[in-house]
């Protein structure tokens, strides 16, 4: 994503990315104002033990580095969900929420 993480918790960032994905789909697919439409979008991010937001790795080395950060440690996995509803009168309502799961990553072999 090209969204700023500055000043946001990992859970808030997951909600923000879910909302951005939903808006992109909504704008692309749901322009008719006289139809009721529901768009559901979600995004999941990992929060490292140091508090950094880890997204999809850019390459194999990045993936290895991320896994080493998590090896043998507890971390949080945040899933943000966005519901966008357009009524048949054209009014749009958006709500977001997130859920967090604590995960312990197994110790990796060197």
C-alpha atoms as a PDB file:
ATOM      1  CA  UNK A   1       0.000   0.000   0.000  1.00  0.00           C
ATOM      2  CA  UNK A   2       1.035   3.599  -0.500  1.00  0.00           C
ATOM      3  CA  UNK A   3      -0.582   4.813   2.709  1.00  0.00           C
ATOM      4  CA  UNK A   4       1.355   6.513   5.474  1.00  0.00           C
ATOM      5  CA  UNK A   5       1.826   4.567   8.694  1.00  0.00           C
ATOM      6  CA  UNK A   6       2.978   7.695  10.556  1.00  0.00           C
ATOM      7  CA  UNK A   7       1.188   8.179  13.867  1.00  0.00           C
ATOM      8  CA  UNK A   8      -1.069   5.168  13.381  1.00  0.00           C
ATOM      9  CA  UNK A   9      -1.307   2.018  15.429  1.00  0.00           C
ATOM     10  CA  UNK A  10      -0.984  -1.215  13.473  1.00  0.00           C
ATOM     11  CA  UNK A  11      -4.706  -1.891  13.994  1.00  0.00           C
ATOM     12  CA  UNK A  12      -5.619   1.590  12.722  1.00  0.00           C
ATOM     13  CA  UNK A  13      -3.370   1.067   9.700  1.00  0.00           C
ATOM     14  CA  UNK A  14      -5.138  -2.255   8.936  1.00  0.00           C
ATOM     15  CA  UNK A  15      -8.508  -0.450   9.069  1.00  0.00           C
ATOM     16  CA  UNK A  16      -7.186   2.333   6.830  1.00  0.00           C
ATOM     17  CA  UNK A  17      -5.883  -0.090   4.202  1.00  0.00           C
ATOM     18  CA  UNK A  18      -9.139  -2.078   4.282  1.00  0.00           C
ATOM     19  CA  UNK A  19     -11.057   1.169   3.722  1.00  0.00           C
ATOM     20  CA  UNK A  20      -8.784   2.229   0.845  1.00  0.00           C
ATOM     21  CA  UNK A  21      -9.231  -1.149  -0.852  1.00  0.00           C
ATOM     22  CA  UNK A  22     -12.989  -0.952  -0.411  1.00  0.00           C
ATOM     23  CA  UNK A  23     -13.147   2.572  -1.845  1.00  0.00           C
ATOM     24  CA  UNK A  24     -11.124   1.493  -4.879  1.00  0.00           C
ATOM     25  CA  UNK A  25     -13.538  -1.363  -5.579  1.00  0.00           C
ATOM     26  CA  UNK A  26     -16.578   0.796  -4.837  1.00  0.00           C
ATOM     27  CA  UNK A  27     -15.426   3.556  -7.205  1.00  0.00           C
ATOM     28  CA  UNK A  28     -14.608   1.058  -9.957  1.00  0.00           C
ATOM     29  CA  UNK A  29     -17.718  -1.086  -9.730  1.00  0.00           C
ATOM     30  CA  UNK A  30     -20.537   0.679  -7.963  1.00  0.00           C
ATOM     31  CA  UNK A  31     -21.168   4.041  -9.558  1.00  0.00           C
ATOM     32  CA  UNK A  32     -24.900   3.668 -10.148  1.00  0.00           C
ATOM     33  CA  UNK A  33     -26.773   5.732  -7.573  1.00  0.00           C
ATOM     34  CA  UNK A  34     -30.105   3.933  -7.866  1.00  0.00           C
ATOM     35  CA  UNK A  35     -28.882   0.507  -6.758  1.00  0.00           C
ATOM     36  CA  UNK A  36     -28.230  -0.821  -3.262  1.00  0.00           C
ATOM     37  CA  UNK A  37     -24.617  -2.020  -3.061  1.00  0.00           C
ATOM     38  CA  UNK A  38     -22.510  -3.605  -0.321  1.00  0.00           C
ATOM     39  CA  UNK A  39     -18.712  -3.785  -0.584  1.00  0.00           C
ATOM     40  CA  UNK A  40     -16.768  -5.754   2.034  1.00  0.00           C
ATOM     41  CA  UNK A  41     -12.997  -5.370   2.112  1.00  0.00           C
ATOM     42  CA  UNK A  42     -10.273  -6.470   4.493  1.00  0.00           C
ATOM     43  CA  UNK A  43      -6.544  -6.252   5.023  1.00  0.00           C
ATOM     44  CA  UNK A  44      -4.211  -7.963   7.461  1.00  0.00           C
ATOM     45  CA  UNK A  45      -0.907  -6.685   8.782  1.00  0.00           C
ATOM     46  CA  UNK A  46       1.600  -8.162  11.193  1.00  0.00           C
ATOM     47  CA  UNK A  47       3.005  -6.066  14.030  1.00  0.00           C
ATOM     48  CA  UNK A  48       6.542  -7.127  14.918  1.00  0.00           C
ATOM     49  CA  UNK A  49       7.619  -7.491  18.557  1.00  0.00           C
ATOM     50  CA  UNK A  50       9.325  -4.083  18.130  1.00  0.00           C
ATOM     51  CA  UNK A  51       6.014  -2.513  17.027  1.00  0.00           C
ATOM     52  CA  UNK A  52       6.787  -2.213  13.305  1.00  0.00           C
ATOM     53  CA  UNK A  53       4.077  -2.924  10.735  1.00  0.00           C
ATOM     54  CA  UNK A  54       5.154  -5.785   8.480  1.00  0.00           C
ATOM     55  CA  UNK A  55       3.380  -6.074   5.143  1.00  0.00           C
ATOM     56  CA  UNK A  56       3.988  -8.387   2.218  1.00  0.00           C
ATOM     57  CA  UNK A  57       7.716  -8.884   1.707  1.00  0.00           C
ATOM     58  CA  UNK A  58       9.187  -7.363  -1.431  1.00  0.00           C
ATOM     59  CA  UNK A  59      11.528 -10.273  -2.140  1.00  0.00           C
ATOM     60  CA  UNK A  60      12.982 -13.483  -0.667  1.00  0.00           C
ATOM     61  CA  UNK A  61      15.607 -11.680   1.413  1.00  0.00           C
ATOM     62  CA  UNK A  62      12.969  -9.363   2.872  1.00  0.00           C
ATOM     63  CA  UNK A  63      10.791 -12.393   3.714  1.00  0.00           C
ATOM     64  CA  UNK A  64      13.718 -14.078   5.456  1.00  0.00           C
ATOM     65  CA  UNK A  65      14.439 -10.929   7.460  1.00  0.00           C
ATOM     66  CA  UNK A  66      10.805 -10.660   8.541  1.00  0.00           C
ATOM     67  CA  UNK A  67      10.688 -14.287   9.617  1.00  0.00           C
ATOM     68  CA  UNK A  68      13.899 -13.860  11.611  1.00  0.00           C
ATOM     69  CA  UNK A  69      12.333 -10.882  13.445  1.00  0.00           C
ATOM     70  CA  UNK A  70       9.383 -13.069  14.424  1.00  0.00           C
ATOM     71  CA  UNK A  71      11.320 -16.261  15.206  1.00  0.00           C
ATOM     72  CA  UNK A  72      10.556 -17.449  18.742  1.00  0.00           C
ATOM     73  CA  UNK A  73       8.639 -14.240  19.538  1.00  0.00           C
ATOM     74  CA  UNK A  74       5.089 -13.149  20.274  1.00  0.00           C
ATOM     75  CA  UNK A  75       3.614 -10.697  17.796  1.00  0.00           C
ATOM     76  CA  UNK A  76       0.209  -9.318  16.843  1.00  0.00           C
ATOM     77  CA  UNK A  77      -1.771  -9.930  13.665  1.00  0.00           C
ATOM     78  CA  UNK A  78      -4.334  -7.199  12.933  1.00  0.00           C
ATOM     79  CA  UNK A  79      -7.164  -7.617  10.437  1.00  0.00           C
ATOM     80  CA  UNK A  80      -9.079  -4.514   9.431  1.00  0.00           C
ATOM     81  CA  UNK A  81     -12.509  -4.833   7.835  1.00  0.00           C
ATOM     82  CA  UNK A  82     -14.500  -2.180   5.983  1.00  0.00           C
ATOM     83  CA  UNK A  83     -18.187  -2.350   5.085  1.00  0.00           C
ATOM     84  CA  UNK A  84     -19.433   0.163   2.525  1.00  0.00           C
ATOM     85  CA  UNK A  85     -23.148   0.302   1.871  1.00  0.00           C
ATOM     86  CA  UNK A  86     -24.847   2.413  -0.732  1.00  0.00           C
ATOM     87  CA  UNK A  87     -28.594   2.582  -0.338  1.00  0.00           C
ATOM     88  CA  UNK A  88     -30.901   2.697  -3.336  1.00  0.00           C
ATOM     89  CA  UNK A  89     -31.264   6.444  -2.665  1.00  0.00           C
ATOM     90  CA  UNK A  90     -27.500   6.891  -3.180  1.00  0.00           C
ATOM     91  CA  UNK A  91     -26.504   7.488   0.455  1.00  0.00           C
ATOM     92  CA  UNK A  92     -23.231   5.795   1.366  1.00  0.00           C
ATOM     93  CA  UNK A  93     -22.407   4.492   4.825  1.00  0.00           C
ATOM     94  CA  UNK A  94     -18.976   3.186   5.751  1.00  0.00           C
ATOM     95  CA  UNK A  95     -17.922   1.428   8.916  1.00  0.00           C
ATOM     96  CA  UNK A  96     -14.610  -0.152   9.826  1.00  0.00           C
ATOM     97  CA  UNK A  97     -13.440  -2.393  12.620  1.00  0.00           C
ATOM     98  CA  UNK A  98     -10.422  -4.534  13.398  1.00  0.00           C
ATOM     99  CA  UNK A  99      -9.579  -7.619  15.348  1.00  0.00           C
ATOM    100  CA  UNK A 100      -6.218  -8.582  16.801  1.00  0.00           C
ATOM    101  CA  UNK A 101      -4.750 -12.010  17.400  1.00  0.00           C
ATOM    102  CA  UNK A 102      -1.615 -12.639  19.440  1.00  0.00           C
ATOM    103  CA  UNK A 103       0.616 -15.263  17.828  1.00  0.00           C
ATOM    104  CA  UNK A 104       3.814 -16.946  18.961  1.00  0.00           C
ATOM    105  CA  UNK A 105       6.068 -17.763  16.033  1.00  0.00           C
ATOM    106  CA  UNK A 106       8.083 -20.970  16.391  1.00  0.00           C
ATOM    107  CA  UNK A 107      11.840 -20.676  16.804  1.00  0.00           C
ATOM    108  CA  UNK A 108      13.435 -21.095  13.383  1.00  0.00           C
ATOM    109  CA  UNK A 109      16.532 -23.210  12.871  1.00  0.00           C
ATOM    110  CA  UNK A 110      19.661 -21.245  11.958  1.00  0.00           C
END
